[in-house]
Amino acid sequence: MVFTIEPGIYIREENMGIRIENDFVIGKKSNFDLMSKIPIEVDEIEALMNQ
């Protein structure tokens, strides 16, 4: 089974919203984070964009 977790923050005064989607495989013996290698921190994203 796959679950999607989508936390978000919305700032009405700035007309801005950010959502981060994270997908997990839920198995009988273990779970697996499908997004574990995806950068989510600002410095990680900026470093990726500057490559």
PDB file of N, CA and C in Angstrom:
ATOM      1  N   MET A   1       0.843  -1.148   0.000  1.00  0.00           N
ATOM      2  CA  MET A   1       0.000   0.000   0.000  1.00  0.00           C
ATOM      3  C   MET A   1       0.907   1.234   0.000  1.00  0.00           C
ATOM      4  N   VAL A   2       0.490   2.288  -0.694  1.00  0.00           N
ATOM      5  CA  VAL A   2       1.252   3.540  -0.722  1.00  0.00           C
ATOM      6  C   VAL A   2       0.422   4.644  -0.081  1.00  0.00           C
ATOM      7  N   PHE A   3       1.037   5.371   0.839  1.00  0.00           N
ATOM      8  CA  PHE A   3       0.402   6.520   1.474  1.00  0.00           C
ATOM      9  C   PHE A   3       1.119   7.784   1.038  1.00  0.00           C
ATOM     10  N   THR A   4       0.356   8.825   0.791  1.00  0.00           N
ATOM     11  CA  THR A   4       0.925  10.138   0.486  1.00  0.00           C
ATOM     12  C   THR A   4       0.633  11.059   1.650  1.00  0.00           C
ATOM     13  N   ILE A   5       1.672  11.710   2.139  1.00  0.00           N
ATOM     14  CA  ILE A   5       1.545  12.667   3.235  1.00  0.00           C
ATOM     15  C   ILE A   5       1.881  14.032   2.656  1.00  0.00           C
ATOM     16  N   GLU A   6       0.985  14.999   2.811  1.00  0.00           N
ATOM     17  CA  GLU A   6       1.157  16.304   2.174  1.00  0.00           C
ATOM     18  C   GLU A   6       1.001  17.455   3.182  1.00  0.00           C
ATOM     19  N   PRO A   7       2.019  17.663   4.021  1.00  0.00           N
ATOM     20  CA  PRO A   7       1.932  18.822   4.909  1.00  0.00           C
ATOM     21  C   PRO A   7       2.067  20.112   4.108  1.00  0.00           C
ATOM     22  N   GLY A   8       1.461  21.165   4.577  1.00  0.00           N
ATOM     23  CA  GLY A   8       1.565  22.433   3.868  1.00  0.00           C
ATOM     24  C   GLY A   8       1.444  23.614   4.804  1.00  0.00           C
ATOM     25  N   ILE A   9       1.884  24.752   4.308  1.00  0.00           N
ATOM     26  CA  ILE A   9       1.729  26.009   5.042  1.00  0.00           C
ATOM     27  C   ILE A   9       1.225  27.050   4.049  1.00  0.00           C
ATOM     28  N   TYR A  10       0.263  27.812   4.471  1.00  0.00           N
ATOM     29  CA  TYR A  10      -0.330  28.831   3.614  1.00  0.00           C
ATOM     30  C   TYR A  10      -0.293  30.172   4.341  1.00  0.00           C
ATOM     31  N   ILE A  11       0.263  31.172   3.682  1.00  0.00           N
ATOM     32  CA  ILE A  11       0.369  32.510   4.267  1.00  0.00           C
ATOM     33  C   ILE A  11      -0.515  33.438   3.445  1.00  0.00           C
ATOM     34  N   ARG A  12      -1.707  33.692   3.930  1.00  0.00           N
ATOM     35  CA  ARG A  12      -2.698  34.469   3.195  1.00  0.00           C
ATOM     36  C   ARG A  12      -2.207  35.874   2.871  1.00  0.00           C
ATOM     37  N   GLU A  13      -1.532  36.528   3.829  1.00  0.00           N
ATOM     38  CA  GLU A  13      -1.071  37.910   3.636  1.00  0.00           C
ATOM     39  C   GLU A  13      -0.070  38.025   2.485  1.00  0.00           C
ATOM     40  N   GLU A  14       0.642  36.984   2.198  1.00  0.00           N
ATOM     41  CA  GLU A  14       1.648  37.009   1.134  1.00  0.00           C
ATOM     42  C   GLU A  14       1.203  36.250  -0.111  1.00  0.00           C
ATOM     43  N   ASN A  15      -0.049  35.763  -0.096  1.00  0.00           N
ATOM     44  CA  ASN A  15      -0.570  34.967  -1.214  1.00  0.00           C
ATOM     45  C   ASN A  15       0.411  33.859  -1.613  1.00  0.00           C
ATOM     46  N   MET A  16       0.847  33.115  -0.608  1.00  0.00           N
ATOM     47  CA  MET A  16       1.847  32.085  -0.845  1.00  0.00           C
ATOM     48  C   MET A  16       1.471  30.802  -0.116  1.00  0.00           C
ATOM     49  N   GLY A  17       1.718  29.694  -0.759  1.00  0.00           N
ATOM     50  CA  GLY A  17       1.496  28.404  -0.137  1.00  0.00           C
ATOM     51  C   GLY A  17       2.555  27.421  -0.581  1.00  0.00           C
ATOM     52  N   ILE A  18       2.950  26.559   0.317  1.00  0.00           N
ATOM     53  CA  ILE A  18       3.959  25.548   0.009  1.00  0.00           C
ATOM     54  C   ILE A  18       3.447  24.217   0.544  1.00  0.00           C
ATOM     55  N   ARG A  19       3.527  23.201  -0.305  1.00  0.00           N
ATOM     56  CA  ARG A  19       3.173  21.853   0.122  1.00  0.00           C
ATOM     57  C   ARG A  19       4.323  20.932  -0.235  1.00  0.00           C
ATOM     58  N   ILE A  20       4.605  20.021   0.661  1.00  0.00           N
ATOM     59  CA  ILE A  20       5.643  19.026   0.420  1.00  0.00           C
ATOM     60  C   ILE A  20       4.963  17.661   0.416  1.00  0.00           C
ATOM     61  N   GLU A  21       5.075  16.971  -0.686  1.00  0.00           N
ATOM     62  CA  GLU A  21       4.478  15.642  -0.785  1.00  0.00           C
ATOM     63  C   GLU A  21       5.515  14.596  -0.446  1.00  0.00           C
ATOM     64  N   ASN A  22       5.123  13.622   0.335  1.00  0.00           N
ATOM     65  CA  ASN A  22       6.010  12.524   0.691  1.00  0.00           C
ATOM     66  C   ASN A  22       5.235  11.225   0.549  1.00  0.00           C
ATOM     67  N   ASP A  23       5.808  10.260  -0.151  1.00  0.00           N
ATOM     68  CA  ASP A  23       5.152   8.986  -0.416  1.00  0.00           C
ATOM     69  C   ASP A  23       5.867   7.860   0.324  1.00  0.00           C
ATOM     70  N   PHE A  24       5.086   7.019   0.978  1.00  0.00           N
ATOM     71  CA  PHE A  24       5.616   5.882   1.719  1.00  0.00           C
ATOM     72  C   PHE A  24       4.949   4.603   1.247  1.00  0.00           C
ATOM     73  N   VAL A  25       5.756   3.555   1.065  1.00  0.00           N
ATOM     74  CA  VAL A  25       5.229   2.221   0.821  1.00  0.00           C
ATOM     75  C   VAL A  25       5.109   1.544   2.181  1.00  0.00           C
ATOM     76  N   ILE A  26       3.926   1.067   2.491  1.00  0.00           N
ATOM     77  CA  ILE A  26       3.679   0.381   3.754  1.00  0.00           C
ATOM     78  C   ILE A  26       3.562  -1.109   3.443  1.00  0.00           C
ATOM     79  N   GLY A  27       4.514  -1.880   3.939  1.00  0.00           N
ATOM     80  CA  GLY A  27       4.533  -3.317   3.663  1.00  0.00           C
ATOM     81  C   GLY A  27       4.249  -4.139   4.898  1.00  0.00           C
ATOM     82  N   LYS A  28       4.113  -5.420   4.692  1.00  0.00           N
ATOM     83  CA  LYS A  28       3.853  -6.328   5.815  1.00  0.00           C
ATOM     84  C   LYS A  28       5.044  -6.409   6.767  1.00  0.00           C
ATOM     85  N   LYS A  29       6.273  -6.370   6.203  1.00  0.00           N
ATOM     86  CA  LYS A  29       7.467  -6.521   7.033  1.00  0.00           C
ATOM     87  C   LYS A  29       8.221  -5.220   7.259  1.00  0.00           C
ATOM     88  N   SER A  30       8.068  -4.257   6.354  1.00  0.00           N
ATOM     89  CA  SER A  30       8.791  -2.994   6.519  1.00  0.00           C
ATOM     90  C   SER A  30       8.116  -1.891   5.716  1.00  0.00           C
ATOM     91  N   ASN A  31       8.554  -0.685   5.964  1.00  0.00           N
ATOM     92  CA  ASN A  31       8.054   0.495   5.265  1.00  0.00           C
ATOM     93  C   ASN A  31       9.217   1.122   4.504  1.00  0.00           C
ATOM     94  N   PHE A  32       8.903   1.872   3.437  1.00  0.00           N
ATOM     95  CA  PHE A  32       9.945   2.471   2.622  1.00  0.00           C
ATOM     96  C   PHE A  32       9.532   3.872   2.217  1.00  0.00           C
ATOM     97  N   ASP A  33      10.387   4.832   2.469  1.00  0.00           N
ATOM     98  CA  ASP A  33      10.154   6.228   2.104  1.00  0.00           C
ATOM     99  C   ASP A  33      10.605   6.436   0.656  1.00  0.00           C
ATOM    100  N   LEU A  34       9.661   6.610  -0.263  1.00  0.00           N
ATOM    101  CA  LEU A  34       9.996   6.785  -1.674  1.00  0.00           C
ATOM    102  C   LEU A  34      10.680   8.113  -1.968  1.00  0.00           C
ATOM    103  N   MET A  35      10.558   9.073  -1.070  1.00  0.00           N
ATOM    104  CA  MET A  35      11.104  10.405  -1.296  1.00  0.00           C
ATOM    105  C   MET A  35      12.362  10.666  -0.473  1.00  0.00           C
ATOM    106  N   SER A  36      12.970   9.637   0.089  1.00  0.00           N
ATOM    107  CA  SER A  36      14.086   9.827   1.022  1.00  0.00           C
ATOM    108  C   SER A  36      15.301  10.507   0.393  1.00  0.00           C
ATOM    109  N   LYS A  37      15.472  10.414  -0.907  1.00  0.00           N
ATOM    110  CA  LYS A  37      16.642  11.014  -1.558  1.00  0.00           C
ATOM    111  C   LYS A  37      16.318  12.349  -2.239  1.00  0.00           C
ATOM    112  N   ILE A  38      15.112  12.840  -2.064  1.00  0.00           N
ATOM    113  CA  ILE A  38      14.694  14.103  -2.661  1.00  0.00           C
ATOM    114  C   ILE A  38      15.041  15.245  -1.703  1.00  0.00           C
ATOM    115  N   PRO A  39      15.765  16.278  -2.172  1.00  0.00           N
ATOM    116  CA  PRO A  39      16.111  17.395  -1.273  1.00  0.00           C
ATOM    117  C   PRO A  39      14.872  18.210  -0.901  1.00  0.00           C
ATOM    118  N   ILE A  40      14.784  18.579   0.376  1.00  0.00           N
ATOM    119  CA  ILE A  40      13.654  19.409   0.816  1.00  0.00           C
ATOM    120  C   ILE A  40      14.102  20.656   1.582  1.00  0.00           C
ATOM    121  N   GLU A  41      15.340  20.666   2.043  1.00  0.00           N
ATOM    122  CA  GLU A  41      15.846  21.836   2.756  1.00  0.00           C
ATOM    123  C   GLU A  41      16.298  22.882   1.736  1.00  0.00           C
ATOM    124  N   VAL A  42      16.172  24.167   2.090  1.00  0.00           N
ATOM    125  CA  VAL A  42      16.498  25.260   1.172  1.00  0.00           C
ATOM    126  C   VAL A  42      17.923  25.138   0.650  1.00  0.00           C
ATOM    127  N   ASP A  43      18.883  24.896   1.535  1.00  0.00           N
ATOM    128  CA  ASP A  43      20.279  24.815   1.085  1.00  0.00           C
ATOM    129  C   ASP A  43      20.514  23.629   0.153  1.00  0.00           C
ATOM    130  N   GLU A  44      19.805  22.534   0.369  1.00  0.00           N
ATOM    131  CA  GLU A  44      19.925  21.377  -0.517  1.00  0.00           C
ATOM    132  C   GLU A  44      19.368  21.688  -1.910  1.00  0.00           C
ATOM    133  N   ILE A  45      18.235  22.356  -1.957  1.00  0.00           N
ATOM    134  CA  ILE A  45      17.606  22.716  -3.232  1.00  0.00           C
ATOM    135  C   ILE A  45      18.465  23.724  -3.984  1.00  0.00           C
ATOM    136  N   GLU A  46      18.975  24.728  -3.275  1.00  0.00           N
ATOM    137  CA  GLU A  46      19.833  25.727  -3.927  1.00  0.00           C
ATOM    138  C   GLU A  46      21.104  25.086  -4.489  1.00  0.00           C
ATOM    139  N   ALA A  47      21.701  24.169  -3.735  1.00  0.00           N
ATOM    140  CA  ALA A  47      22.911  23.487  -4.210  1.00  0.00           C
ATOM    141  C   ALA A  47      22.613  22.686  -5.468  1.00  0.00           C
ATOM    142  N   LEU A  48      21.471  22.044  -5.501  1.00  0.00           N
ATOM    143  CA  LEU A  48      21.077  21.283  -6.679  1.00  0.00           C
ATOM    144  C   LEU A  48      20.861  22.190  -7.884  1.00  0.00           C
ATOM    145  N   MET A  49      20.249  23.336  -7.652  1.00  0.00           N
ATOM    146  CA  MET A  49      19.981  24.283  -8.751  1.00  0.00           C
ATOM    147  C   MET A  49      21.264  24.912  -9.285  1.00  0.00           C
ATOM    148  N   ASN A  50      22.307  25.011  -8.450  1.00  0.00           N
ATOM    149  CA  ASN A  50      23.565  25.647  -8.862  1.00  0.00           C
ATOM    150  C   ASN A  50      24.561  24.664  -9.471  1.00  0.00           C
ATOM    151  N   GLN A  51      24.174  23.445  -9.685  1.00  0.00           N
ATOM    152  CA  GLN A  51      25.091  22.458 -10.287  1.00  0.00           C
ATOM    153  C   GLN A  51      25.235  22.693 -11.765  1.00  0.00           C
TER     154      GLN A  51
END
